[in-house]
């Protein structure tokens, strides 16, 4: 977990430092829908290595964004879900999704108009 002294002064830079990697954002996207198990995330996030997923989940957990729940059964079952702090990122990811969709649509529209 970052200490207050380690956080950048700029709030945007703080957010980027906490969740700014490609993989962390995609992990958050998935966890906004429901709790996920480690191997489910690894299969869904094409191209992520086991180490990067482990490190990303651990970092998000240390920063209070993700929680890890271990079920006492054999074989062990662990699920990852968002904490209330993680849930508070929902509007941010929704805005990113909306912007990304609009951007893709504008590119497709631009391609269509240049081919006409």
PDB file of N, CA and C in Angstrom:
ATOM      1  N   UNK A   1       0.846  -1.177   0.000  1.00  0.00           N
ATOM      2  CA  UNK A   1       0.000   0.000   0.000  1.00  0.00           C
ATOM      3  C   UNK A   1       0.889   1.237   0.000  1.00  0.00           C
ATOM      4  N   UNK A   2       0.509   2.196  -0.807  1.00  0.00           N
ATOM      5  CA  UNK A   2       1.274   3.433  -0.873  1.00  0.00           C
ATOM      6  C   UNK A   2       0.998   4.276   0.367  1.00  0.00           C
ATOM      7  N   UNK A   3       2.035   4.924   0.847  1.00  0.00           N
ATOM      8  CA  UNK A   3       1.839   5.833   1.968  1.00  0.00           C
ATOM      9  C   UNK A   3       1.443   7.198   1.434  1.00  0.00           C
ATOM     10  N   UNK A   4       0.921   8.029   2.305  1.00  0.00           N
ATOM     11  CA  UNK A   4       0.504   9.373   1.901  1.00  0.00           C
ATOM     12  C   UNK A   4       1.673  10.132   1.276  1.00  0.00           C
ATOM     13  N   UNK A   5       2.869   9.915   1.812  1.00  0.00           N
ATOM     14  CA  UNK A   5       4.056  10.612   1.302  1.00  0.00           C
ATOM     15  C   UNK A   5       4.451  10.124  -0.096  1.00  0.00           C
ATOM     16  N   UNK A   6       4.124   8.881  -0.419  1.00  0.00           N
ATOM     17  CA  UNK A   6       4.500   8.316  -1.721  1.00  0.00           C
ATOM     18  C   UNK A   6       3.538   8.714  -2.838  1.00  0.00           C
ATOM     19  N   UNK A   7       2.360   9.192  -2.472  1.00  0.00           N
ATOM     20  CA  UNK A   7       1.367   9.539  -3.483  1.00  0.00           C
ATOM     21  C   UNK A   7       1.731  10.852  -4.169  1.00  0.00           C
ATOM     22  N   UNK A   8       1.530  10.915  -5.481  1.00  0.00           N
ATOM     23  CA  UNK A   8       1.774  12.170  -6.190  1.00  0.00           C
ATOM     24  C   UNK A   8       0.803  13.251  -5.708  1.00  0.00           C
ATOM     25  N   UNK A   9       1.190  14.484  -5.889  1.00  0.00           N
ATOM     26  CA  UNK A   9       0.326  15.591  -5.488  1.00  0.00           C
ATOM     27  C   UNK A   9      -0.912  15.670  -6.378  1.00  0.00           C
ATOM     28  N   UNK A  10      -0.746  15.366  -7.649  1.00  0.00           N
ATOM     29  CA  UNK A  10      -1.844  15.441  -8.617  1.00  0.00           C
ATOM     30  C   UNK A  10      -2.796  14.253  -8.434  1.00  0.00           C
ATOM     31  N   UNK A  11      -4.104  14.503  -8.273  1.00  0.00           N
ATOM     32  CA  UNK A  11      -5.057  13.406  -8.103  1.00  0.00           C
ATOM     33  C   UNK A  11      -5.109  12.447  -9.297  1.00  0.00           C
ATOM     34  N   UNK A  12      -4.948  12.968 -10.500  1.00  0.00           N
ATOM     35  CA  UNK A  12      -4.955  12.095 -11.683  1.00  0.00           C
ATOM     36  C   UNK A  12      -3.735  11.183 -11.646  1.00  0.00           C
ATOM     37  N   UNK A  13      -2.592  11.728 -11.291  1.00  0.00           N
ATOM     38  CA  UNK A  13      -1.371  10.922 -11.188  1.00  0.00           C
ATOM     39  C   UNK A  13      -1.516   9.862 -10.093  1.00  0.00           C
ATOM     40  N   UNK A  14      -2.209  10.200  -9.014  1.00  0.00           N
ATOM     41  CA  UNK A  14      -2.458   9.225  -7.949  1.00  0.00           C
ATOM     42  C   UNK A  14      -3.274   8.057  -8.482  1.00  0.00           C
ATOM     43  N   UNK A  15      -4.342   8.366  -9.212  1.00  0.00           N
ATOM     44  CA  UNK A  15      -5.193   7.321  -9.785  1.00  0.00           C
ATOM     45  C   UNK A  15      -4.403   6.455 -10.752  1.00  0.00           C
ATOM     46  N   UNK A  16      -3.620   7.086 -11.608  1.00  0.00           N
ATOM     47  CA  UNK A  16      -2.802   6.345 -12.570  1.00  0.00           C
ATOM     48  C   UNK A  16      -1.804   5.449 -11.838  1.00  0.00           C
ATOM     49  N   UNK A  17      -1.220   5.943 -10.771  1.00  0.00           N
ATOM     50  CA  UNK A  17      -0.253   5.135 -10.020  1.00  0.00           C
ATOM     51  C   UNK A  17      -0.926   3.908  -9.408  1.00  0.00           C
ATOM     52  N   UNK A  18      -2.170   4.045  -8.964  1.00  0.00           N
ATOM     53  CA  UNK A  18      -2.874   2.934  -8.327  1.00  0.00           C
ATOM     54  C   UNK A  18      -3.406   1.914  -9.327  1.00  0.00           C
ATOM     55  N   UNK A  19      -3.987   2.378 -10.424  1.00  0.00           N
ATOM     56  CA  UNK A  19      -4.682   1.453 -11.335  1.00  0.00           C
ATOM     57  C   UNK A  19      -4.345   1.680 -12.799  1.00  0.00           C
ATOM     58  N   UNK A  20      -3.278   2.394 -13.081  1.00  0.00           N
ATOM     59  CA  UNK A  20      -3.009   2.823 -14.439  1.00  0.00           C
ATOM     60  C   UNK A  20      -2.448   1.800 -15.401  1.00  0.00           C
ATOM     61  N   UNK A  21      -2.124   0.609 -14.941  1.00  0.00           N
ATOM     62  CA  UNK A  21      -1.590  -0.360 -15.896  1.00  0.00           C
ATOM     63  C   UNK A  21      -2.726  -0.990 -16.700  1.00  0.00           C
ATOM     64  N   UNK A  22      -2.385  -1.435 -17.888  1.00  0.00           N
ATOM     65  CA  UNK A  22      -3.362  -2.100 -18.762  1.00  0.00           C
ATOM     66  C   UNK A  22      -4.058  -3.233 -18.024  1.00  0.00           C
ATOM     67  N   UNK A  23      -3.284  -4.068 -17.361  1.00  0.00           N
ATOM     68  CA  UNK A  23      -3.857  -5.258 -16.738  1.00  0.00           C
ATOM     69  C   UNK A  23      -4.726  -4.917 -15.545  1.00  0.00           C
ATOM     70  N   UNK A  24      -4.323  -3.947 -14.738  1.00  0.00           N
ATOM     71  CA  UNK A  24      -5.143  -3.587 -13.577  1.00  0.00           C
ATOM     72  C   UNK A  24      -6.505  -3.069 -14.019  1.00  0.00           C
ATOM     73  N   UNK A  25      -6.525  -2.271 -15.059  1.00  0.00           N
ATOM     74  CA  UNK A  25      -7.807  -1.748 -15.548  1.00  0.00           C
ATOM     75  C   UNK A  25      -8.697  -2.871 -16.070  1.00  0.00           C
ATOM     76  N   UNK A  26      -8.111  -3.833 -16.767  1.00  0.00           N
ATOM     77  CA  UNK A  26      -8.910  -4.949 -17.276  1.00  0.00           C
ATOM     78  C   UNK A  26      -9.369  -5.872 -16.147  1.00  0.00           C
ATOM     79  N   UNK A  27      -8.554  -6.042 -15.127  1.00  0.00           N
ATOM     80  CA  UNK A  27      -8.976  -6.809 -13.947  1.00  0.00           C
ATOM     81  C   UNK A  27     -10.166  -6.113 -13.296  1.00  0.00           C
ATOM     82  N   UNK A  28     -10.072  -4.805 -13.116  1.00  0.00           N
ATOM     83  CA  UNK A  28     -11.181  -4.050 -12.520  1.00  0.00           C
ATOM     84  C   UNK A  28     -12.437  -4.161 -13.370  1.00  0.00           C
ATOM     85  N   UNK A  29     -12.272  -4.081 -14.687  1.00  0.00           N
ATOM     86  CA  UNK A  29     -13.426  -4.224 -15.586  1.00  0.00           C
ATOM     87  C   UNK A  29     -14.145  -5.537 -15.307  1.00  0.00           C
ATOM     88  N   UNK A  30     -13.397  -6.614 -15.210  1.00  0.00           N
ATOM     89  CA  UNK A  30     -14.007  -7.920 -14.950  1.00  0.00           C
ATOM     90  C   UNK A  30     -14.661  -7.973 -13.577  1.00  0.00           C
ATOM     91  N   UNK A  31     -13.958  -7.473 -12.569  1.00  0.00           N
ATOM     92  CA  UNK A  31     -14.475  -7.564 -11.205  1.00  0.00           C
ATOM     93  C   UNK A  31     -15.695  -6.678 -10.974  1.00  0.00           C
ATOM     94  N   UNK A  32     -15.910  -5.700 -11.837  1.00  0.00           N
ATOM     95  CA  UNK A  32     -17.123  -4.885 -11.718  1.00  0.00           C
ATOM     96  C   UNK A  32     -18.368  -5.719 -12.002  1.00  0.00           C
ATOM     97  N   UNK A  33     -18.219  -6.777 -12.774  1.00  0.00           N
ATOM     98  CA  UNK A  33     -19.368  -7.617 -13.132  1.00  0.00           C
ATOM     99  C   UNK A  33     -19.709  -8.625 -12.040  1.00  0.00           C
ATOM    100  N   UNK A  34     -18.667  -9.220 -11.422  1.00  0.00           N
ATOM    101  CA  UNK A  34     -18.896 -10.276 -10.434  1.00  0.00           C
ATOM    102  C   UNK A  34     -17.557 -10.686  -9.842  1.00  0.00           C
ATOM    103  N   UNK A  35     -17.581 -11.473  -8.755  1.00  0.00           N
ATOM    104  CA  UNK A  35     -16.322 -12.034  -8.244  1.00  0.00           C
ATOM    105  C   UNK A  35     -15.750 -13.049  -9.245  1.00  0.00           C
ATOM    106  N   UNK A  36     -14.428 -13.111  -9.313  1.00  0.00           N
ATOM    107  CA  UNK A  36     -13.744 -14.030 -10.229  1.00  0.00           C
ATOM    108  C   UNK A  36     -12.712 -14.834  -9.461  1.00  0.00           C
ATOM    109  N   UNK A  37     -12.498 -16.052  -9.926  1.00  0.00           N
ATOM    110  CA  UNK A  37     -11.407 -16.876  -9.421  1.00  0.00           C
ATOM    111  C   UNK A  37     -10.161 -16.580 -10.257  1.00  0.00           C
ATOM    112  N   UNK A  38      -9.004 -16.893  -9.691  1.00  0.00           N
ATOM    113  CA  UNK A  38      -7.736 -16.569 -10.337  1.00  0.00           C
ATOM    114  C   UNK A  38      -7.653 -17.139 -11.750  1.00  0.00           C
ATOM    115  N   UNK A  39      -7.912 -18.435 -11.896  1.00  0.00           N
ATOM    116  CA  UNK A  39      -7.773 -19.061 -13.214  1.00  0.00           C
ATOM    117  C   UNK A  39      -8.810 -18.562 -14.207  1.00  0.00           C
ATOM    118  N   UNK A  40      -9.978 -18.160 -13.729  1.00  0.00           N
ATOM    119  CA  UNK A  40     -10.969 -17.553 -14.623  1.00  0.00           C
ATOM    120  C   UNK A  40     -10.416 -16.251 -15.190  1.00  0.00           C
ATOM    121  N   UNK A  41      -9.842 -15.434 -14.323  1.00  0.00           N
ATOM    122  CA  UNK A  41      -9.256 -14.173 -14.783  1.00  0.00           C
ATOM    123  C   UNK A  41      -8.128 -14.427 -15.769  1.00  0.00           C
ATOM    124  N   UNK A  42      -7.267 -15.378 -15.449  1.00  0.00           N
ATOM    125  CA  UNK A  42      -6.121 -15.667 -16.323  1.00  0.00           C
ATOM    126  C   UNK A  42      -6.578 -16.100 -17.708  1.00  0.00           C
ATOM    127  N   UNK A  43      -7.632 -16.912 -17.769  1.00  0.00           N
ATOM    128  CA  UNK A  43      -8.141 -17.359 -19.071  1.00  0.00           C
ATOM    129  C   UNK A  43      -8.816 -16.228 -19.825  1.00  0.00           C
ATOM    130  N   UNK A  44      -9.533 -15.364 -19.103  1.00  0.00           N
ATOM    131  CA  UNK A  44     -10.276 -14.286 -19.758  1.00  0.00           C
ATOM    132  C   UNK A  44      -9.364 -13.153 -20.224  1.00  0.00           C
ATOM    133  N   UNK A  45      -8.318 -12.878 -19.474  1.00  0.00           N
ATOM    134  CA  UNK A  45      -7.402 -11.788 -19.810  1.00  0.00           C
ATOM    135  C   UNK A  45      -6.287 -12.340 -20.692  1.00  0.00           C
ATOM    136  N   UNK A  46      -6.595 -12.476 -21.956  1.00  0.00           N
ATOM    137  CA  UNK A  46      -5.682 -13.103 -22.904  1.00  0.00           C
ATOM    138  C   UNK A  46      -4.340 -12.382 -22.946  1.00  0.00           C
ATOM    139  N   UNK A  47      -3.273 -13.136 -22.730  1.00  0.00           N
ATOM    140  CA  UNK A  47      -1.933 -12.576 -22.805  1.00  0.00           C
ATOM    141  C   UNK A  47      -1.317 -12.235 -21.461  1.00  0.00           C
ATOM    142  N   UNK A  48      -2.093 -12.273 -20.393  1.00  0.00           N
ATOM    143  CA  UNK A  48      -1.529 -11.947 -19.079  1.00  0.00           C
ATOM    144  C   UNK A  48      -0.790 -13.167 -18.530  1.00  0.00           C
ATOM    145  N   UNK A  49       0.374 -12.923 -17.959  1.00  0.00           N
ATOM    146  CA  UNK A  49       1.120 -14.031 -17.356  1.00  0.00           C
ATOM    147  C   UNK A  49       0.614 -14.265 -15.936  1.00  0.00           C
ATOM    148  N   UNK A  50       0.893 -15.431 -15.425  1.00  0.00           N
ATOM    149  CA  UNK A  50       0.483 -15.764 -14.064  1.00  0.00           C
ATOM    150  C   UNK A  50       1.127 -14.799 -13.065  1.00  0.00           C
ATOM    151  N   UNK A  51       2.399 -14.459 -13.292  1.00  0.00           N
ATOM    152  CA  UNK A  51       3.109 -13.552 -12.386  1.00  0.00           C
ATOM    153  C   UNK A  51       2.491 -12.160 -12.401  1.00  0.00           C
ATOM    154  N   UNK A  52       2.199 -11.645 -13.585  1.00  0.00           N
ATOM    155  CA  UNK A  52       1.625 -10.300 -13.681  1.00  0.00           C
ATOM    156  C   UNK A  52       0.240 -10.270 -13.033  1.00  0.00           C
ATOM    157  N   UNK A  53      -0.556 -11.309 -13.253  1.00  0.00           N
ATOM    158  CA  UNK A  53      -1.877 -11.364 -12.626  1.00  0.00           C
ATOM    159  C   UNK A  53      -1.741 -11.424 -11.106  1.00  0.00           C
ATOM    160  N   UNK A  54      -0.853 -12.272 -10.621  1.00  0.00           N
ATOM    161  CA  UNK A  54      -0.625 -12.381  -9.174  1.00  0.00           C
ATOM    162  C   UNK A  54      -0.181 -11.045  -8.593  1.00  0.00           C
ATOM    163  N   UNK A  55       0.808 -10.421  -9.226  1.00  0.00           N
ATOM    164  CA  UNK A  55       1.326  -9.138  -8.731  1.00  0.00           C
ATOM    165  C   UNK A  55       0.260  -8.048  -8.775  1.00  0.00           C
ATOM    166  N   UNK A  56      -0.527  -8.019  -9.850  1.00  0.00           N
ATOM    167  CA  UNK A  56      -1.569  -6.999  -9.993  1.00  0.00           C
ATOM    168  C   UNK A  56      -2.653  -7.167  -8.938  1.00  0.00           C
ATOM    169  N   UNK A  57      -3.110  -8.401  -8.745  1.00  0.00           N
ATOM    170  CA  UNK A  57      -4.135  -8.653  -7.730  1.00  0.00           C
ATOM    171  C   UNK A  57      -3.609  -8.320  -6.337  1.00  0.00           C
ATOM    172  N   UNK A  58      -2.380  -8.697  -6.066  1.00  0.00           N
ATOM    173  CA  UNK A  58      -1.779  -8.417  -4.752  1.00  0.00           C
ATOM    174  C   UNK A  58      -1.686  -6.907  -4.515  1.00  0.00           C
ATOM    175  N   UNK A  59      -1.259  -6.172  -5.530  1.00  0.00           N
ATOM    176  CA  UNK A  59      -1.141  -4.720  -5.416  1.00  0.00           C
ATOM    177  C   UNK A  59      -2.514  -4.072  -5.201  1.00  0.00           C
ATOM    178  N   UNK A  60      -3.504  -4.509  -5.979  1.00  0.00           N
ATOM    179  CA  UNK A  60      -4.857  -3.966  -5.822  1.00  0.00           C
ATOM    180  C   UNK A  60      -5.424  -4.300  -4.444  1.00  0.00           C
ATOM    181  N   UNK A  61      -5.086  -5.468  -3.940  1.00  0.00           N
ATOM    182  CA  UNK A  61      -5.533  -5.860  -2.600  1.00  0.00           C
ATOM    183  C   UNK A  61      -4.850  -4.997  -1.534  1.00  0.00           C
ATOM    184  N   UNK A  62      -3.553  -4.794  -1.663  1.00  0.00           N
ATOM    185  CA  UNK A  62      -2.812  -3.968  -0.698  1.00  0.00           C
ATOM    186  C   UNK A  62      -3.324  -2.535  -0.672  1.00  0.00           C
ATOM    187  N   UNK A  63      -3.781  -2.042  -1.819  1.00  0.00           N
ATOM    188  CA  UNK A  63      -4.284  -0.669  -1.902  1.00  0.00           C
ATOM    189  C   UNK A  63      -5.760  -0.560  -1.530  1.00  0.00           C
ATOM    190  N   UNK A  64      -6.372  -1.677  -1.129  1.00  0.00           N
ATOM    191  CA  UNK A  64      -7.750  -1.646  -0.655  1.00  0.00           C
ATOM    192  C   UNK A  64      -8.801  -1.602  -1.743  1.00  0.00           C
ATOM    193  N   UNK A  65      -8.427  -1.945  -2.978  1.00  0.00           N
ATOM    194  CA  UNK A  65      -9.351  -1.883  -4.110  1.00  0.00           C
ATOM    195  C   UNK A  65     -10.001  -3.235  -4.360  1.00  0.00           C
ATOM    196  N   UNK A  66      -9.265  -4.295  -4.103  1.00  0.00           N
ATOM    197  CA  UNK A  66      -9.740  -5.665  -4.318  1.00  0.00           C
ATOM    198  C   UNK A  66      -9.639  -6.423  -3.002  1.00  0.00           C
ATOM    199  N   UNK A  67     -10.583  -7.327  -2.786  1.00  0.00           N
ATOM    200  CA  UNK A  67     -10.492  -8.218  -1.627  1.00  0.00           C
ATOM    201  C   UNK A  67     -10.411  -9.659  -2.107  1.00  0.00           C
ATOM    202  N   UNK A  68      -9.717 -10.445  -1.323  1.00  0.00           N
ATOM    203  CA  UNK A  68      -9.484 -11.858  -1.631  1.00  0.00           C
ATOM    204  C   UNK A  68     -10.200 -12.670  -0.571  1.00  0.00           C
ATOM    205  N   UNK A  69     -11.078 -13.582  -1.017  1.00  0.00           N
ATOM    206  CA  UNK A  69     -11.813 -14.422  -0.074  1.00  0.00           C
ATOM    207  C   UNK A  69     -11.426 -15.877  -0.302  1.00  0.00           C
ATOM    208  N   UNK A  70     -10.935 -16.515   0.761  1.00  0.00           N
ATOM    209  CA  UNK A  70     -10.529 -17.919   0.701  1.00  0.00           C
ATOM    210  C   UNK A  70     -11.630 -18.746   1.347  1.00  0.00           C
ATOM    211  N   UNK A  71     -12.119 -19.740   0.602  1.00  0.00           N
ATOM    212  CA  UNK A  71     -13.149 -20.640   1.115  1.00  0.00           C
ATOM    213  C   UNK A  71     -12.475 -21.887   1.687  1.00  0.00           C
ATOM    214  N   UNK A  72     -12.877 -22.301   2.891  1.00  0.00           N
ATOM    215  CA  UNK A  72     -12.242 -23.464   3.525  1.00  0.00           C
ATOM    216  C   UNK A  72     -12.760 -24.774   2.950  1.00  0.00           C
ATOM    217  N   UNK A  73     -12.231 -25.153   1.819  1.00  0.00           N
ATOM    218  CA  UNK A  73     -12.629 -26.405   1.174  1.00  0.00           C
ATOM    219  C   UNK A  73     -11.440 -26.999   0.450  1.00  0.00           C
ATOM    220  N   UNK A  74     -11.591 -28.233   0.006  1.00  0.00           N
ATOM    221  CA  UNK A  74     -10.535 -28.923  -0.730  1.00  0.00           C
ATOM    222  C   UNK A  74     -11.088 -29.287  -2.098  1.00  0.00           C
ATOM    223  N   UNK A  75     -10.435 -28.879  -3.200  1.00  0.00           N
ATOM    224  CA  UNK A  75      -9.257 -28.021  -3.230  1.00  0.00           C
ATOM    225  C   UNK A  75      -9.623 -26.590  -2.805  1.00  0.00           C
ATOM    226  N   UNK A  76      -8.633 -25.808  -2.377  1.00  0.00           N
ATOM    227  CA  UNK A  76      -8.909 -24.440  -1.933  1.00  0.00           C
ATOM    228  C   UNK A  76      -9.558 -23.617  -3.042  1.00  0.00           C
ATOM    229  N   UNK A  77     -10.497 -22.798  -2.649  1.00  0.00           N
ATOM    230  CA  UNK A  77     -11.163 -21.911  -3.607  1.00  0.00           C
ATOM    231  C   UNK A  77     -10.950 -20.478  -3.133  1.00  0.00           C
ATOM    232  N   UNK A  78     -10.472 -19.642  -4.036  1.00  0.00           N
ATOM    233  CA  UNK A  78     -10.221 -18.236  -3.727  1.00  0.00           C
ATOM    234  C   UNK A  78     -10.952 -17.397  -4.759  1.00  0.00           C
ATOM    235  N   UNK A  79     -11.681 -16.401  -4.288  1.00  0.00           N
ATOM    236  CA  UNK A  79     -12.361 -15.475  -5.189  1.00  0.00           C
ATOM    237  C   UNK A  79     -11.884 -14.056  -4.911  1.00  0.00           C
ATOM    238  N   UNK A  80     -11.829 -13.293  -5.981  1.00  0.00           N
ATOM    239  CA  UNK A  80     -11.456 -11.886  -5.895  1.00  0.00           C
ATOM    240  C   UNK A  80     -12.679 -11.054  -6.242  1.00  0.00           C
ATOM    241  N   UNK A  81     -12.894 -10.006  -5.468  1.00  0.00           N
ATOM    242  CA  UNK A  81     -14.006  -9.095  -5.720  1.00  0.00           C
ATOM    243  C   UNK A  81     -13.572  -7.688  -5.336  1.00  0.00           C
ATOM    244  N   UNK A  82     -14.402  -6.732  -5.687  1.00  0.00           N
ATOM    245  CA  UNK A  82     -14.086  -5.345  -5.378  1.00  0.00           C
ATOM    246  C   UNK A  82     -14.529  -4.985  -3.968  1.00  0.00           C
ATOM    247  N   UNK A  83     -13.755  -4.162  -3.332  1.00  0.00           N
ATOM    248  CA  UNK A  83     -14.145  -3.565  -2.060  1.00  0.00           C
ATOM    249  C   UNK A  83     -15.047  -2.367  -2.382  1.00  0.00           C
ATOM    250  N   UNK A  84     -15.641  -1.736  -1.391  1.00  0.00           N
ATOM    251  CA  UNK A  84     -16.388  -0.504  -1.678  1.00  0.00           C
ATOM    252  C   UNK A  84     -15.523   0.552  -2.383  1.00  0.00           C
ATOM    253  N   UNK A  85     -14.250   0.634  -2.018  1.00  0.00           N
ATOM    254  CA  UNK A  85     -13.352   1.566  -2.708  1.00  0.00           C
ATOM    255  C   UNK A  85     -13.216   1.185  -4.180  1.00  0.00           C
ATOM    256  N   UNK A  86     -13.071  -0.102  -4.458  1.00  0.00           N
ATOM    257  CA  UNK A  86     -13.004  -0.567  -5.841  1.00  0.00           C
ATOM    258  C   UNK A  86     -14.295  -0.293  -6.590  1.00  0.00           C
ATOM    259  N   UNK A  87     -15.426  -0.518  -5.927  1.00  0.00           N
ATOM    260  CA  UNK A  87     -16.736  -0.231  -6.540  1.00  0.00           C
ATOM    261  C   UNK A  87     -16.860   1.239  -6.904  1.00  0.00           C
ATOM    262  N   UNK A  88     -16.204   2.104  -6.144  1.00  0.00           N
ATOM    263  CA  UNK A  88     -16.301   3.541  -6.428  1.00  0.00           C
ATOM    264  C   UNK A  88     -15.637   3.900  -7.756  1.00  0.00           C
ATOM    265  N   UNK A  89     -14.913   2.955  -8.351  1.00  0.00           N
ATOM    266  CA  UNK A  89     -14.295   3.202  -9.656  1.00  0.00           C
ATOM    267  C   UNK A  89     -15.247   2.902 -10.814  1.00  0.00           C
ATOM    268  N   UNK A  90     -16.433   2.383 -10.505  1.00  0.00           N
ATOM    269  CA  UNK A  90     -17.410   2.029 -11.543  1.00  0.00           C
ATOM    270  C   UNK A  90     -17.664   3.177 -12.526  1.00  0.00           C
ATOM    271  N   UNK A  91     -17.957   4.405 -12.054  1.00  0.00           N
ATOM    272  CA  UNK A  91     -18.212   5.481 -13.024  1.00  0.00           C
ATOM    273  C   UNK A  91     -16.998   5.814 -13.887  1.00  0.00           C
ATOM    274  N   UNK A  92     -15.809   5.638 -13.342  1.00  0.00           N
ATOM    275  CA  UNK A  92     -14.591   5.914 -14.115  1.00  0.00           C
ATOM    276  C   UNK A  92     -14.464   4.911 -15.254  1.00  0.00           C
ATOM    277  N   UNK A  93     -14.642   3.629 -14.950  1.00  0.00           N
ATOM    278  CA  UNK A  93     -14.550   2.611 -15.997  1.00  0.00           C
ATOM    279  C   UNK A  93     -15.713   2.711 -16.977  1.00  0.00           C
ATOM    280  N   UNK A  94     -16.888   3.102 -16.501  1.00  0.00           N
ATOM    281  CA  UNK A  94     -18.031   3.301 -17.403  1.00  0.00           C
ATOM    282  C   UNK A  94     -17.734   4.441 -18.380  1.00  0.00           C
ATOM    283  N   UNK A  95     -17.124   5.513 -17.883  1.00  0.00           N
ATOM    284  CA  UNK A  95     -16.755   6.629 -18.761  1.00  0.00           C
ATOM    285  C   UNK A  95     -15.698   6.193 -19.775  1.00  0.00           C
ATOM    286  N   UNK A  96     -14.742   5.370 -19.347  1.00  0.00           N
ATOM    287  CA  UNK A  96     -13.725   4.863 -20.272  1.00  0.00           C
ATOM    288  C   UNK A  96     -14.363   3.986 -21.345  1.00  0.00           C
ATOM    289  N   UNK A  97     -15.325   3.149 -20.937  1.00  0.00           N
ATOM    290  CA  UNK A  97     -16.019   2.290 -21.899  1.00  0.00           C
ATOM    291  C   UNK A  97     -16.797   3.131 -22.913  1.00  0.00           C
ATOM    292  N   UNK A  98     -17.492   4.142 -22.418  1.00  0.00           N
ATOM    293  CA  UNK A  98     -18.275   5.015 -23.299  1.00  0.00           C
ATOM    294  C   UNK A  98     -17.356   5.753 -24.271  1.00  0.00           C
ATOM    295  N   UNK A  99     -16.250   6.286 -23.767  1.00  0.00           N
ATOM    296  CA  UNK A  99     -15.320   7.000 -24.621  1.00  0.00           C
ATOM    297  C   UNK A  99     -14.717   6.066 -25.667  1.00  0.00           C
ATOM    298  N   UNK A 100     -14.310   4.867 -25.244  1.00  0.00           N
ATOM    299  CA  UNK A 100     -13.723   3.900 -26.171  1.00  0.00           C
ATOM    300  C   UNK A 100     -14.689   3.498 -27.272  1.00  0.00           C
ATOM    301  N   UNK A 101     -15.957   3.310 -26.915  1.00  0.00           N
ATOM    302  CA  UNK A 101     -16.975   2.959 -27.912  1.00  0.00           C
ATOM    303  C   UNK A 101     -17.173   4.096 -28.904  1.00  0.00           C
ATOM    304  N   UNK A 102     -17.228   5.326 -28.399  1.00  0.00           N
ATOM    305  CA  UNK A 102     -17.404   6.484 -29.283  1.00  0.00           C
ATOM    306  C   UNK A 102     -16.196   6.645 -30.204  1.00  0.00           C
ATOM    307  N   UNK A 103     -15.012   6.426 -29.675  1.00  0.00           N
ATOM    308  CA  UNK A 103     -13.800   6.536 -30.481  1.00  0.00           C
ATOM    309  C   UNK A 103     -13.791   5.493 -31.593  1.00  0.00           C
ATOM    310  N   UNK A 104     -14.115   4.246 -31.241  1.00  0.00           N
ATOM    311  CA  UNK A 104     -14.153   3.188 -32.252  1.00  0.00           C
ATOM    312  C   UNK A 104     -15.197   3.495 -33.321  1.00  0.00           C
ATOM    313  N   UNK A 105     -16.356   4.016 -32.902  1.00  0.00           N
ATOM    314  CA  UNK A 105     -17.411   4.363 -33.857  1.00  0.00           C
ATOM    315  C   UNK A 105     -16.945   5.479 -34.789  1.00  0.00           C
ATOM    316  N   UNK A 106     -16.226   6.468 -34.248  1.00  0.00           N
ATOM    317  CA  UNK A 106     -15.748   7.560 -35.100  1.00  0.00           C
ATOM    318  C   UNK A 106     -14.715   7.059 -36.100  1.00  0.00           C
ATOM    319  N   UNK A 107     -13.893   6.104 -35.703  1.00  0.00           N
ATOM    320  CA  UNK A 107     -12.926   5.523 -36.639  1.00  0.00           C
ATOM    321  C   UNK A 107     -13.639   4.761 -37.746  1.00  0.00           C
ATOM    322  N   UNK A 108     -14.645   3.975 -37.365  1.00  0.00           N
ATOM    323  CA  UNK A 108     -15.402   3.216 -38.362  1.00  0.00           C
ATOM    324  C   UNK A 108     -16.136   4.153 -39.308  1.00  0.00           C
ATOM    325  N   UNK A 109     -16.668   5.236 -38.772  1.00  0.00           N
ATOM    326  CA  UNK A 109     -17.366   6.222 -39.592  1.00  0.00           C
ATOM    327  C   UNK A 109     -16.387   6.895 -40.550  1.00  0.00           C
ATOM    328  N   UNK A 110     -15.198   7.203 -40.052  1.00  0.00           N
ATOM    329  CA  UNK A 110     -14.167   7.817 -40.887  1.00  0.00           C
ATOM    330  C   UNK A 110     -13.733   6.902 -42.009  1.00  0.00           C
ATOM    331  N   UNK A 111     -13.604   5.610 -41.715  1.00  0.00           N
ATOM    332  CA  UNK A 111     -13.241   4.639 -42.746  1.00  0.00           C
ATOM    333  C   UNK A 111     -14.340   4.531 -43.787  1.00  0.00           C
ATOM    334  N   UNK A 112     -15.587   4.561 -43.341  1.00  0.00           N
ATOM    335  CA  UNK A 112     -16.710   4.451 -44.271  1.00  0.00           C
ATOM    336  C   UNK A 112     -16.770   5.673 -45.176  1.00  0.00           C
ATOM    337  N   UNK A 113     -16.512   6.871 -44.620  1.00  0.00           N
ATOM    338  CA  UNK A 113     -16.606   8.081 -45.435  1.00  0.00           C
ATOM    339  C   UNK A 113     -15.446   8.190 -46.418  1.00  0.00           C
ATOM    340  N   UNK A 114     -14.276   7.633 -46.108  1.00  0.00           N
ATOM    341  CA  UNK A 114     -13.157   7.692 -47.041  1.00  0.00           C
ATOM    342  C   UNK A 114     -13.290   6.656 -48.148  1.00  0.00           C
ATOM    343  N   UNK A 115     -14.101   5.601 -47.907  1.00  0.00           N
ATOM    344  CA  UNK A 115     -14.294   4.577 -48.923  1.00  0.00           C
ATOM    345  C   UNK A 115     -15.442   4.921 -49.861  1.00  0.00           C
ATOM    346  N   UNK A 116     -16.235   5.902 -49.512  1.00  0.00           N
ATOM    347  CA  UNK A 116     -17.401   6.265 -50.335  1.00  0.00           C
ATOM    348  C   UNK A 116     -17.014   7.140 -51.493  1.00  0.00           C
TER     349      UNK A 116
END
